[in-house]
Amino acid sequence: ATNPMLDYTPPELITLLFTDLGVMTPSG
């Protein structure tokens, strides 16, 4: 009840994104 369930991770900490559109960098 008193803690958040989600947090935000900024793009500089993410190496790559795997999506159905392909492998991309966060800037894509």
mmCIF file of all heavy atoms, coordinates in Angstrom:
data_MODEL
# 
_entry.id   MODEL 
# 
loop_
_atom_site.group_PDB 
_atom_site.id 
_atom_site.type_symbol 
_atom_site.label_atom_id 
_atom_site.label_alt_id 
_atom_site.label_comp_id 
_atom_site.label_asym_id 
_atom_site.label_entity_id 
_atom_site.label_seq_id 
_atom_site.pdbx_PDB_ins_code 
_atom_site.Cartn_x 
_atom_site.Cartn_y 
_atom_site.Cartn_z 
_atom_site.occupancy 
_atom_site.B_iso_or_equiv 
_atom_site.pdbx_formal_charge 
_atom_site.auth_seq_id 
_atom_site.auth_comp_id 
_atom_site.auth_asym_id 
_atom_site.auth_atom_id 
_atom_site.pdbx_PDB_model_num 
ATOM 1   N N   . ALA A 1 1  ? 0.807  -1.217 0.000   1.00 0.00 ? 1  ALA A N   1 
ATOM 2   C CA  . ALA A 1 1  ? 0.000  0.000  0.000   1.00 0.00 ? 1  ALA A CA  1 
ATOM 3   C C   . ALA A 1 1  ? 0.839  1.266  0.000   1.00 0.00 ? 1  ALA A C   1 
ATOM 4   O O   . ALA A 1 1  ? 0.433  2.291  -0.552  1.00 0.00 ? 1  ALA A O   1 
ATOM 5   C CB  . ALA A 1 1  ? -0.936 0.000  1.211   1.00 0.00 ? 1  ALA A CB  1 
ATOM 6   N N   . THR A 1 2  ? 2.010  1.215  0.612   1.00 0.00 ? 2  THR A N   1 
ATOM 7   C CA  . THR A 1 2  ? 2.801  2.431  0.788   1.00 0.00 ? 2  THR A CA  1 
ATOM 8   C C   . THR A 1 2  ? 3.979  2.545  -0.167  1.00 0.00 ? 2  THR A C   1 
ATOM 9   O O   . THR A 1 2  ? 4.652  3.571  -0.181  1.00 0.00 ? 2  THR A O   1 
ATOM 10  C CB  . THR A 1 2  ? 3.332  2.514  2.230   1.00 0.00 ? 2  THR A CB  1 
ATOM 11  O OG1 . THR A 1 2  ? 4.166  1.375  2.485   1.00 0.00 ? 2  THR A OG1 1 
ATOM 12  C CG2 . THR A 1 2  ? 2.195  2.541  3.229   1.00 0.00 ? 2  THR A CG2 1 
ATOM 13  N N   . ASN A 1 3  ? 4.231  1.513  -0.959  1.00 0.00 ? 3  ASN A N   1 
ATOM 14  C CA  . ASN A 1 3  ? 5.351  1.533  -1.894  1.00 0.00 ? 3  ASN A CA  1 
ATOM 15  C C   . ASN A 1 3  ? 4.873  1.612  -3.337  1.00 0.00 ? 3  ASN A C   1 
ATOM 16  O O   . ASN A 1 3  ? 3.799  1.102  -3.665  1.00 0.00 ? 3  ASN A O   1 
ATOM 17  C CB  . ASN A 1 3  ? 6.203  0.273  -1.726  1.00 0.00 ? 3  ASN A CB  1 
ATOM 18  C CG  . ASN A 1 3  ? 7.177  0.391  -0.575  1.00 0.00 ? 3  ASN A CG  1 
ATOM 19  O OD1 . ASN A 1 3  ? 8.341  0.729  -0.753  1.00 0.00 ? 3  ASN A OD1 1 
ATOM 20  N ND2 . ASN A 1 3  ? 6.689  0.123  0.636   1.00 0.00 ? 3  ASN A ND2 1 
ATOM 21  N N   . PRO A 1 4  ? 5.656  2.222  -4.219  1.00 0.00 ? 4  PRO A N   1 
ATOM 22  C CA  . PRO A 1 4  ? 5.286  2.271  -5.637  1.00 0.00 ? 4  PRO A CA  1 
ATOM 23  C C   . PRO A 1 4  ? 5.412  0.893  -6.273  1.00 0.00 ? 4  PRO A C   1 
ATOM 24  O O   . PRO A 1 4  ? 6.215  0.068  -5.850  1.00 0.00 ? 4  PRO A O   1 
ATOM 25  C CB  . PRO A 1 4  ? 6.301  3.250  -6.232  1.00 0.00 ? 4  PRO A CB  1 
ATOM 26  C CG  . PRO A 1 4  ? 7.497  3.150  -5.320  1.00 0.00 ? 4  PRO A CG  1 
ATOM 27  C CD  . PRO A 1 4  ? 6.932  2.907  -3.954  1.00 0.00 ? 4  PRO A CD  1 
ATOM 28  N N   . MET A 1 5  ? 4.626  0.653  -7.313  1.00 0.00 ? 5  MET A N   1 
ATOM 29  C CA  . MET A 1 5  ? 4.689  -0.611 -8.041  1.00 0.00 ? 5  MET A CA  1 
ATOM 30  C C   . MET A 1 5  ? 5.514  -0.499 -9.316  1.00 0.00 ? 5  MET A C   1 
ATOM 31  O O   . MET A 1 5  ? 5.917  -1.498 -9.901  1.00 0.00 ? 5  MET A O   1 
ATOM 32  C CB  . MET A 1 5  ? 3.278  -1.087 -8.391  1.00 0.00 ? 5  MET A CB  1 
ATOM 33  C CG  . MET A 1 5  ? 2.454  -1.523 -7.179  1.00 0.00 ? 5  MET A CG  1 
ATOM 34  S SD  . MET A 1 5  ? 3.204  -2.884 -6.267  1.00 0.00 ? 5  MET A SD  1 
ATOM 35  C CE  . MET A 1 5  ? 3.074  -4.193 -7.479  1.00 0.00 ? 5  MET A CE  1 
ATOM 36  N N   . LEU A 1 6  ? 5.748  0.723  -9.770  1.00 0.00 ? 6  LEU A N   1 
ATOM 37  C CA  . LEU A 1 6  ? 6.502  0.947  -11.009 1.00 0.00 ? 6  LEU A CA  1 
ATOM 38  C C   . LEU A 1 6  ? 7.617  1.947  -10.760 1.00 0.00 ? 6  LEU A C   1 
ATOM 39  O O   . LEU A 1 6  ? 7.541  2.785  -9.860  1.00 0.00 ? 6  LEU A O   1 
ATOM 40  C CB  . LEU A 1 6  ? 5.582  1.493  -12.110 1.00 0.00 ? 6  LEU A CB  1 
ATOM 41  C CG  . LEU A 1 6  ? 4.370  0.662  -12.519 1.00 0.00 ? 6  LEU A CG  1 
ATOM 42  C CD1 . LEU A 1 6  ? 3.512  1.434  -13.511 1.00 0.00 ? 6  LEU A CD1 1 
ATOM 43  C CD2 . LEU A 1 6  ? 4.804  -0.661 -13.113 1.00 0.00 ? 6  LEU A CD2 1 
ATOM 44  N N   . ASP A 1 7  ? 8.661  1.865  -11.583 1.00 0.00 ? 7  ASP A N   1 
ATOM 45  C CA  . ASP A 1 7  ? 9.676  2.911  -11.581 1.00 0.00 ? 7  ASP A CA  1 
ATOM 46  C C   . ASP A 1 7  ? 10.104 3.209  -13.019 1.00 0.00 ? 7  ASP A C   1 
ATOM 47  O O   . ASP A 1 7  ? 9.700  2.525  -13.968 1.00 0.00 ? 7  ASP A O   1 
ATOM 48  C CB  . ASP A 1 7  ? 10.868 2.567  -10.683 1.00 0.00 ? 7  ASP A CB  1 
ATOM 49  C CG  . ASP A 1 7  ? 11.625 1.313  -11.095 1.00 0.00 ? 7  ASP A CG  1 
ATOM 50  O OD1 . ASP A 1 7  ? 11.549 0.910  -12.274 1.00 0.00 ? 7  ASP A OD1 1 
ATOM 51  O OD2 . ASP A 1 7  ? 12.312 0.723  -10.227 1.00 0.00 ? 7  ASP A OD2 1 
ATOM 52  N N   . TYR A 1 8  ? 10.896 4.252  -13.155 1.00 0.00 ? 8  TYR A N   1 
ATOM 53  C CA  . TYR A 1 8  ? 11.339 4.718  -14.474 1.00 0.00 ? 8  TYR A CA  1 
ATOM 54  C C   . TYR A 1 8  ? 12.842 4.511  -14.612 1.00 0.00 ? 8  TYR A C   1 
ATOM 55  O O   . TYR A 1 8  ? 13.621 4.935  -13.750 1.00 0.00 ? 8  TYR A O   1 
ATOM 56  C CB  . TYR A 1 8  ? 10.993 6.196  -14.648 1.00 0.00 ? 8  TYR A CB  1 
ATOM 57  C CG  . TYR A 1 8  ? 11.690 6.858  -15.815 1.00 0.00 ? 8  TYR A CG  1 
ATOM 58  C CD1 . TYR A 1 8  ? 11.426 6.457  -17.128 1.00 0.00 ? 8  TYR A CD1 1 
ATOM 59  C CD2 . TYR A 1 8  ? 12.605 7.888  -15.611 1.00 0.00 ? 8  TYR A CD2 1 
ATOM 60  C CE1 . TYR A 1 8  ? 12.073 7.053  -18.191 1.00 0.00 ? 8  TYR A CE1 1 
ATOM 61  C CE2 . TYR A 1 8  ? 13.252 8.501  -16.677 1.00 0.00 ? 8  TYR A CE2 1 
ATOM 62  C CZ  . TYR A 1 8  ? 12.978 8.077  -17.963 1.00 0.00 ? 8  TYR A CZ  1 
ATOM 63  O OH  . TYR A 1 8  ? 13.620 8.666  -19.026 1.00 0.00 ? 8  TYR A OH  1 
ATOM 64  N N   . THR A 1 9  ? 13.246 3.850  -15.691 1.00 0.00 ? 9  THR A N   1 
ATOM 65  C CA  . THR A 1 9  ? 14.663 3.636  -15.999 1.00 0.00 ? 9  THR A CA  1 
ATOM 66  C C   . THR A 1 9  ? 15.046 4.511  -17.183 1.00 0.00 ? 9  THR A C   1 
ATOM 67  O O   . THR A 1 9  ? 14.500 4.341  -18.282 1.00 0.00 ? 9  THR A O   1 
ATOM 68  C CB  . THR A 1 9  ? 14.932 2.156  -16.339 1.00 0.00 ? 9  THR A CB  1 
ATOM 69  O OG1 . THR A 1 9  ? 14.543 1.337  -15.237 1.00 0.00 ? 9  THR A OG1 1 
ATOM 70  C CG2 . THR A 1 9  ? 16.397 1.936  -16.644 1.00 0.00 ? 9  THR A CG2 1 
ATOM 71  N N   . PRO A 1 10 ? 15.951 5.474  -17.018 1.00 0.00 ? 10 PRO A N   1 
ATOM 72  C CA  . PRO A 1 10 ? 16.312 6.380  -18.119 1.00 0.00 ? 10 PRO A CA  1 
ATOM 73  C C   . PRO A 1 10 ? 17.053 5.643  -19.230 1.00 0.00 ? 10 PRO A C   1 
ATOM 74  O O   . PRO A 1 10 ? 17.668 4.590  -19.001 1.00 0.00 ? 10 PRO A O   1 
ATOM 75  C CB  . PRO A 1 10 ? 17.192 7.428  -17.446 1.00 0.00 ? 10 PRO A CB  1 
ATOM 76  C CG  . PRO A 1 10 ? 17.665 6.806  -16.182 1.00 0.00 ? 10 PRO A CG  1 
ATOM 77  C CD  . PRO A 1 10 ? 16.620 5.827  -15.757 1.00 0.00 ? 10 PRO A CD  1 
ATOM 78  N N   . PRO A 1 11 ? 17.005 6.181  -20.451 1.00 0.00 ? 11 PRO A N   1 
ATOM 79  C CA  . PRO A 1 11 ? 17.545 5.478  -21.614 1.00 0.00 ? 11 PRO A CA  1 
ATOM 80  C C   . PRO A 1 11 ? 19.045 5.214  -21.567 1.00 0.00 ? 11 PRO A C   1 
ATOM 81  O O   . PRO A 1 11 ? 19.518 4.242  -22.158 1.00 0.00 ? 11 PRO A O   1 
ATOM 82  C CB  . PRO A 1 11 ? 17.184 6.396  -22.793 1.00 0.00 ? 11 PRO A CB  1 
ATOM 83  C CG  . PRO A 1 11 ? 16.960 7.741  -22.178 1.00 0.00 ? 11 PRO A CG  1 
ATOM 84  C CD  . PRO A 1 11 ? 16.396 7.478  -20.818 1.00 0.00 ? 11 PRO A CD  1 
ATOM 85  N N   . GLU A 1 12 ? 19.792 6.040  -20.855 1.00 0.00 ? 12 GLU A N   1 
ATOM 86  C CA  . GLU A 1 12 ? 21.243 5.849  -20.820 1.00 0.00 ? 12 GLU A CA  1 
ATOM 87  C C   . GLU A 1 12 ? 21.643 4.581  -20.084 1.00 0.00 ? 12 GLU A C   1 
ATOM 88  O O   . GLU A 1 12 ? 22.808 4.151  -20.182 1.00 0.00 ? 12 GLU A O   1 
ATOM 89  C CB  . GLU A 1 12 ? 21.937 7.069  -20.201 1.00 0.00 ? 12 GLU A CB  1 
ATOM 90  C CG  . GLU A 1 12 ? 21.523 7.405  -18.797 1.00 0.00 ? 12 GLU A CG  1 
ATOM 91  C CD  . GLU A 1 12 ? 20.391 8.429  -18.742 1.00 0.00 ? 12 GLU A CD  1 
ATOM 92  O OE1 . GLU A 1 12 ? 19.648 8.551  -19.738 1.00 0.00 ? 12 GLU A OE1 1 
ATOM 93  O OE2 . GLU A 1 12 ? 20.264 9.091  -17.694 1.00 0.00 ? 12 GLU A OE2 1 
ATOM 94  N N   . LEU A 1 13 ? 20.728 3.976  -19.357 1.00 0.00 ? 13 LEU A N   1 
ATOM 95  C CA  . LEU A 1 13 ? 21.029 2.731  -18.653 1.00 0.00 ? 13 LEU A CA  1 
ATOM 96  C C   . LEU A 1 13 ? 20.633 1.494  -19.462 1.00 0.00 ? 13 LEU A C   1 
ATOM 97  O O   . LEU A 1 13 ? 20.893 0.367  -19.032 1.00 0.00 ? 13 LEU A O   1 
ATOM 98  C CB  . LEU A 1 13 ? 20.307 2.704  -17.299 1.00 0.00 ? 13 LEU A CB  1 
ATOM 99  C CG  . LEU A 1 13 ? 20.694 3.801  -16.300 1.00 0.00 ? 13 LEU A CG  1 
ATOM 100 C CD1 . LEU A 1 13 ? 19.854 3.673  -15.035 1.00 0.00 ? 13 LEU A CD1 1 
ATOM 101 C CD2 . LEU A 1 13 ? 22.181 3.733  -15.970 1.00 0.00 ? 13 LEU A CD2 1 
ATOM 102 N N   . ILE A 1 14 ? 19.987 1.709  -20.611 1.00 0.00 ? 14 ILE A N   1 
ATOM 103 C CA  . ILE A 1 14 ? 19.485 0.600  -21.422 1.00 0.00 ? 14 ILE A CA  1 
ATOM 104 C C   . ILE A 1 14 ? 20.416 0.366  -22.603 1.00 0.00 ? 14 ILE A C   1 
ATOM 105 O O   . ILE A 1 14 ? 20.705 1.288  -23.374 1.00 0.00 ? 14 ILE A O   1 
ATOM 106 C CB  . ILE A 1 14 ? 18.056 0.901  -21.915 1.00 0.00 ? 14 ILE A CB  1 
ATOM 107 C CG1 . ILE A 1 14 ? 17.120 1.110  -20.716 1.00 0.00 ? 14 ILE A CG1 1 
ATOM 108 C CG2 . ILE A 1 14 ? 17.540 -0.224 -22.813 1.00 0.00 ? 14 ILE A CG2 1 
ATOM 109 C CD1 . ILE A 1 14 ? 15.754 1.648  -21.095 1.00 0.00 ? 14 ILE A CD1 1 
ATOM 110 N N   . THR A 1 15 ? 20.888 -0.856 -22.747 1.00 0.00 ? 15 THR A N   1 
ATOM 111 C CA  . THR A 1 15 ? 21.810 -1.176 -23.841 1.00 0.00 ? 15 THR A CA  1 
ATOM 112 C C   . THR A 1 15 ? 21.078 -1.236 -25.175 1.00 0.00 ? 15 THR A C   1 
ATOM 113 O O   . THR A 1 15 ? 21.450 -0.559 -26.138 1.00 0.00 ? 15 THR A O   1 
ATOM 114 C CB  . THR A 1 15 ? 22.511 -2.523 -23.576 1.00 0.00 ? 15 THR A CB  1 
ATOM 115 O OG1 . THR A 1 15 ? 23.100 -2.506 -22.273 1.00 0.00 ? 15 THR A OG1 1 
ATOM 116 C CG2 . THR A 1 15 ? 23.584 -2.790 -24.629 1.00 0.00 ? 15 THR A CG2 1 
ATOM 117 N N   . LEU A 1 16 ? 20.023 -2.062 -25.232 1.00 0.00 ? 16 LEU A N   1 
ATOM 118 C CA  . LEU A 1 16 ? 19.221 -2.207 -26.451 1.00 0.00 ? 16 LEU A CA  1 
ATOM 119 C C   . LEU A 1 16 ? 17.785 -2.552 -26.069 1.00 0.00 ? 16 LEU A C   1 
ATOM 120 O O   . LEU A 1 16 ? 17.526 -3.061 -24.979 1.00 0.00 ? 16 LEU A O   1 
ATOM 121 C CB  . LEU A 1 16 ? 19.781 -3.329 -27.340 1.00 0.00 ? 16 LEU A CB  1 
ATOM 122 C CG  . LEU A 1 16 ? 21.105 -3.094 -28.060 1.00 0.00 ? 16 LEU A CG  1 
ATOM 123 C CD1 . LEU A 1 16 ? 21.587 -4.395 -28.708 1.00 0.00 ? 16 LEU A CD1 1 
ATOM 124 C CD2 . LEU A 1 16 ? 20.998 -1.979 -29.106 1.00 0.00 ? 16 LEU A CD2 1 
ATOM 125 N N   . LEU A 1 17 ? 16.887 -2.287 -27.009 1.00 0.00 ? 17 LEU A N   1 
ATOM 126 C CA  . LEU A 1 17 ? 15.492 -2.688 -26.880 1.00 0.00 ? 17 LEU A CA  1 
ATOM 127 C C   . LEU A 1 17 ? 15.201 -3.786 -27.894 1.00 0.00 ? 17 LEU A C   1 
ATOM 128 O O   . LEU A 1 17 ? 15.529 -3.654 -29.075 1.00 0.00 ? 17 LEU A O   1 
ATOM 129 C CB  . LEU A 1 17 ? 14.565 -1.503 -27.150 1.00 0.00 ? 17 LEU A CB  1 
ATOM 130 C CG  . LEU A 1 17 ? 14.520 -0.393 -26.102 1.00 0.00 ? 17 LEU A CG  1 
ATOM 131 C CD1 . LEU A 1 17 ? 13.931 0.867  -26.714 1.00 0.00 ? 17 LEU A CD1 1 
ATOM 132 C CD2 . LEU A 1 17 ? 13.682 -0.825 -24.908 1.00 0.00 ? 17 LEU A CD2 1 
ATOM 133 N N   . PHE A 1 18 ? 14.575 -4.868 -27.433 1.00 0.00 ? 18 PHE A N   1 
ATOM 134 C CA  . PHE A 1 18 ? 14.111 -5.921 -28.331 1.00 0.00 ? 18 PHE A CA  1 
ATOM 135 C C   . PHE A 1 18 ? 12.611 -5.701 -28.542 1.00 0.00 ? 18 PHE A C   1 
ATOM 136 O O   . PHE A 1 18 ? 11.829 -5.790 -27.586 1.00 0.00 ? 18 PHE A O   1 
ATOM 137 C CB  . PHE A 1 18 ? 14.344 -7.308 -27.743 1.00 0.00 ? 18 PHE A CB  1 
ATOM 138 C CG  . PHE A 1 18 ? 15.778 -7.619 -27.423 1.00 0.00 ? 18 PHE A CG  1 
ATOM 139 C CD1 . PHE A 1 18 ? 16.104 -8.565 -26.459 1.00 0.00 ? 18 PHE A CD1 1 
ATOM 140 C CD2 . PHE A 1 18 ? 16.814 -6.979 -28.083 1.00 0.00 ? 18 PHE A CD2 1 
ATOM 141 C CE1 . PHE A 1 18 ? 17.420 -8.868 -26.159 1.00 0.00 ? 18 PHE A CE1 1 
ATOM 142 C CE2 . PHE A 1 18 ? 18.148 -7.262 -27.787 1.00 0.00 ? 18 PHE A CE2 1 
ATOM 143 C CZ  . PHE A 1 18 ? 18.448 -8.207 -26.824 1.00 0.00 ? 18 PHE A CZ  1 
ATOM 144 N N   . THR A 1 19 ? 12.201 -5.405 -29.753 1.00 0.00 ? 19 THR A N   1 
ATOM 145 C CA  . THR A 1 19 ? 10.802 -5.130 -30.052 1.00 0.00 ? 19 THR A CA  1 
ATOM 146 C C   . THR A 1 19 ? 10.377 -5.939 -31.274 1.00 0.00 ? 19 THR A C   1 
ATOM 147 O O   . THR A 1 19 ? 11.210 -6.546 -31.954 1.00 0.00 ? 19 THR A O   1 
ATOM 148 C CB  . THR A 1 19 ? 10.574 -3.636 -30.344 1.00 0.00 ? 19 THR A CB  1 
ATOM 149 O OG1 . THR A 1 19 ? 11.009 -3.337 -31.677 1.00 0.00 ? 19 THR A OG1 1 
ATOM 150 C CG2 . THR A 1 19 ? 11.346 -2.759 -29.357 1.00 0.00 ? 19 THR A CG2 1 
ATOM 151 N N   . ASP A 1 20 ? 9.084  -5.929 -31.558 1.00 0.00 ? 20 ASP A N   1 
ATOM 152 C CA  . ASP A 1 20 ? 8.598  -6.610 -32.760 1.00 0.00 ? 20 ASP A CA  1 
ATOM 153 C C   . ASP A 1 20 ? 9.009  -5.877 -34.027 1.00 0.00 ? 20 ASP A C   1 
ATOM 154 O O   . ASP A 1 20 ? 8.918  -6.423 -35.126 1.00 0.00 ? 20 ASP A O   1 
ATOM 155 C CB  . ASP A 1 20 ? 7.076  -6.751 -32.718 1.00 0.00 ? 20 ASP A CB  1 
ATOM 156 C CG  . ASP A 1 20 ? 6.383  -5.432 -32.451 1.00 0.00 ? 20 ASP A CG  1 
ATOM 157 O OD1 . ASP A 1 20 ? 6.526  -4.887 -31.353 1.00 0.00 ? 20 ASP A OD1 1 
ATOM 158 O OD2 . ASP A 1 20 ? 5.689  -4.931 -33.353 1.00 0.00 ? 20 ASP A OD2 1 
ATOM 159 N N   . LEU A 1 21 ? 9.488  -4.637 -33.900 1.00 0.00 ? 21 LEU A N   1 
ATOM 160 C CA  . LEU A 1 21 ? 9.981  -3.879 -35.047 1.00 0.00 ? 21 LEU A CA  1 
ATOM 161 C C   . LEU A 1 21 ? 11.462 -4.134 -35.306 1.00 0.00 ? 21 LEU A C   1 
ATOM 162 O O   . LEU A 1 21 ? 12.002 -3.657 -36.303 1.00 0.00 ? 21 LEU A O   1 
ATOM 163 C CB  . LEU A 1 21 ? 9.754  -2.377 -34.812 1.00 0.00 ? 21 LEU A CB  1 
ATOM 164 C CG  . LEU A 1 21 ? 8.309  -1.944 -34.557 1.00 0.00 ? 21 LEU A CG  1 
ATOM 165 C CD1 . LEU A 1 21 ? 8.245  -0.453 -34.267 1.00 0.00 ? 21 LEU A CD1 1 
ATOM 166 C CD2 . LEU A 1 21 ? 7.425  -2.300 -35.739 1.00 0.00 ? 21 LEU A CD2 1 
ATOM 167 N N   . GLY A 1 22 ? 12.093 -4.862 -34.406 1.00 0.00 ? 22 GLY A N   1 
ATOM 168 C CA  . GLY A 1 22 ? 13.508 -5.161 -34.537 1.00 0.00 ? 22 GLY A CA  1 
ATOM 169 C C   . GLY A 1 22 ? 14.267 -4.775 -33.283 1.00 0.00 ? 22 GLY A C   1 
ATOM 170 O O   . GLY A 1 22 ? 13.691 -4.336 -32.287 1.00 0.00 ? 22 GLY A O   1 
ATOM 171 N N   . VAL A 1 23 ? 15.572 -4.927 -33.330 1.00 0.00 ? 23 VAL A N   1 
ATOM 172 C CA  . VAL A 1 23 ? 16.442 -4.528 -32.223 1.00 0.00 ? 23 VAL A CA  1 
ATOM 173 C C   . VAL A 1 23 ? 16.808 -3.065 -32.443 1.00 0.00 ? 23 VAL A C   1 
ATOM 174 O O   . VAL A 1 23 ? 17.266 -2.685 -33.525 1.00 0.00 ? 23 VAL A O   1 
ATOM 175 C CB  . VAL A 1 23 ? 17.712 -5.393 -32.172 1.00 0.00 ? 23 VAL A CB  1 
ATOM 176 C CG1 . VAL A 1 23 ? 18.623 -4.944 -31.034 1.00 0.00 ? 23 VAL A CG1 1 
ATOM 177 C CG2 . VAL A 1 23 ? 17.350 -6.864 -32.022 1.00 0.00 ? 23 VAL A CG2 1 
ATOM 178 N N   . MET A 1 24 ? 16.593 -2.243 -31.436 1.00 0.00 ? 24 MET A N   1 
ATOM 179 C CA  . MET A 1 24 ? 16.853 -0.814 -31.616 1.00 0.00 ? 24 MET A CA  1 
ATOM 180 C C   . MET A 1 24 ? 17.495 -0.217 -30.371 1.00 0.00 ? 24 MET A C   1 
ATOM 181 O O   . MET A 1 24 ? 17.412 -0.779 -29.275 1.00 0.00 ? 24 MET A O   1 
ATOM 182 C CB  . MET A 1 24 ? 15.560 -0.066 -31.954 1.00 0.00 ? 24 MET A CB  1 
ATOM 183 C CG  . MET A 1 24 ? 14.482 -0.115 -30.878 1.00 0.00 ? 24 MET A CG  1 
ATOM 184 S SD  . MET A 1 24 ? 12.999 0.858  -31.307 1.00 0.00 ? 24 MET A SD  1 
ATOM 185 C CE  . MET A 1 24 ? 12.408 -0.033 -32.724 1.00 0.00 ? 24 MET A CE  1 
ATOM 186 N N   . THR A 1 25 ? 18.130 0.914  -30.573 1.00 0.00 ? 25 THR A N   1 
ATOM 187 C CA  . THR A 1 25 ? 18.629 1.685  -29.439 1.00 0.00 ? 25 THR A CA  1 
ATOM 188 C C   . THR A 1 25 ? 17.471 2.495  -28.867 1.00 0.00 ? 25 THR A C   1 
ATOM 189 O O   . THR A 1 25 ? 16.461 2.721  -29.547 1.00 0.00 ? 25 THR A O   1 
ATOM 190 C CB  . THR A 1 25 ? 19.754 2.635  -29.874 1.00 0.00 ? 25 THR A CB  1 
ATOM 191 O OG1 . THR A 1 25 ? 19.232 3.549  -30.846 1.00 0.00 ? 25 THR A OG1 1 
ATOM 192 C CG2 . THR A 1 25 ? 20.928 1.863  -30.471 1.00 0.00 ? 25 THR A CG2 1 
ATOM 193 N N   . PRO A 1 26 ? 17.587 2.954  -27.630 1.00 0.00 ? 26 PRO A N   1 
ATOM 194 C CA  . PRO A 1 26 ? 16.493 3.737  -27.051 1.00 0.00 ? 26 PRO A CA  1 
ATOM 195 C C   . PRO A 1 26 ? 16.102 4.959  -27.880 1.00 0.00 ? 26 PRO A C   1 
ATOM 196 O O   . PRO A 1 26 ? 14.926 5.339  -27.907 1.00 0.00 ? 26 PRO A O   1 
ATOM 197 C CB  . PRO A 1 26 ? 17.058 4.152  -25.684 1.00 0.00 ? 26 PRO A CB  1 
ATOM 198 C CG  . PRO A 1 26 ? 17.979 3.029  -25.320 1.00 0.00 ? 26 PRO A CG  1 
ATOM 199 C CD  . PRO A 1 26 ? 18.621 2.629  -26.622 1.00 0.00 ? 26 PRO A CD  1 
ATOM 200 N N   . SER A 1 27 ? 17.050 5.564  -28.573 1.00 0.00 ? 27 SER A N   1 
ATOM 201 C CA  . SER A 1 27 ? 16.736 6.765  -29.357 1.00 0.00 ? 27 SER A CA  1 
ATOM 202 C C   . SER A 1 27 ? 15.795 6.477  -30.529 1.00 0.00 ? 27 SER A C   1 
ATOM 203 O O   . SER A 1 27 ? 15.172 7.392  -31.071 1.00 0.00 ? 27 SER A O   1 
ATOM 204 C CB  . SER A 1 27 ? 18.027 7.391  -29.888 1.00 0.00 ? 27 SER A CB  1 
ATOM 205 O OG  . SER A 1 27 ? 18.719 6.487  -30.740 1.00 0.00 ? 27 SER A OG  1 
ATOM 206 N N   . GLY A 1 28 ? 15.658 5.222  -30.911 1.00 0.00 ? 28 GLY A N   1 
ATOM 207 C CA  . GLY A 1 28 ? 14.791 4.874  -32.026 1.00 0.00 ? 28 GLY A CA  1 
ATOM 208 C C   . GLY A 1 28 ? 13.317 4.895  -31.684 1.00 0.00 ? 28 GLY A C   1 
ATOM 209 O O   . GLY A 1 28 ? 12.465 4.900  -32.584 1.00 0.00 ? 28 GLY A O   1 
# 
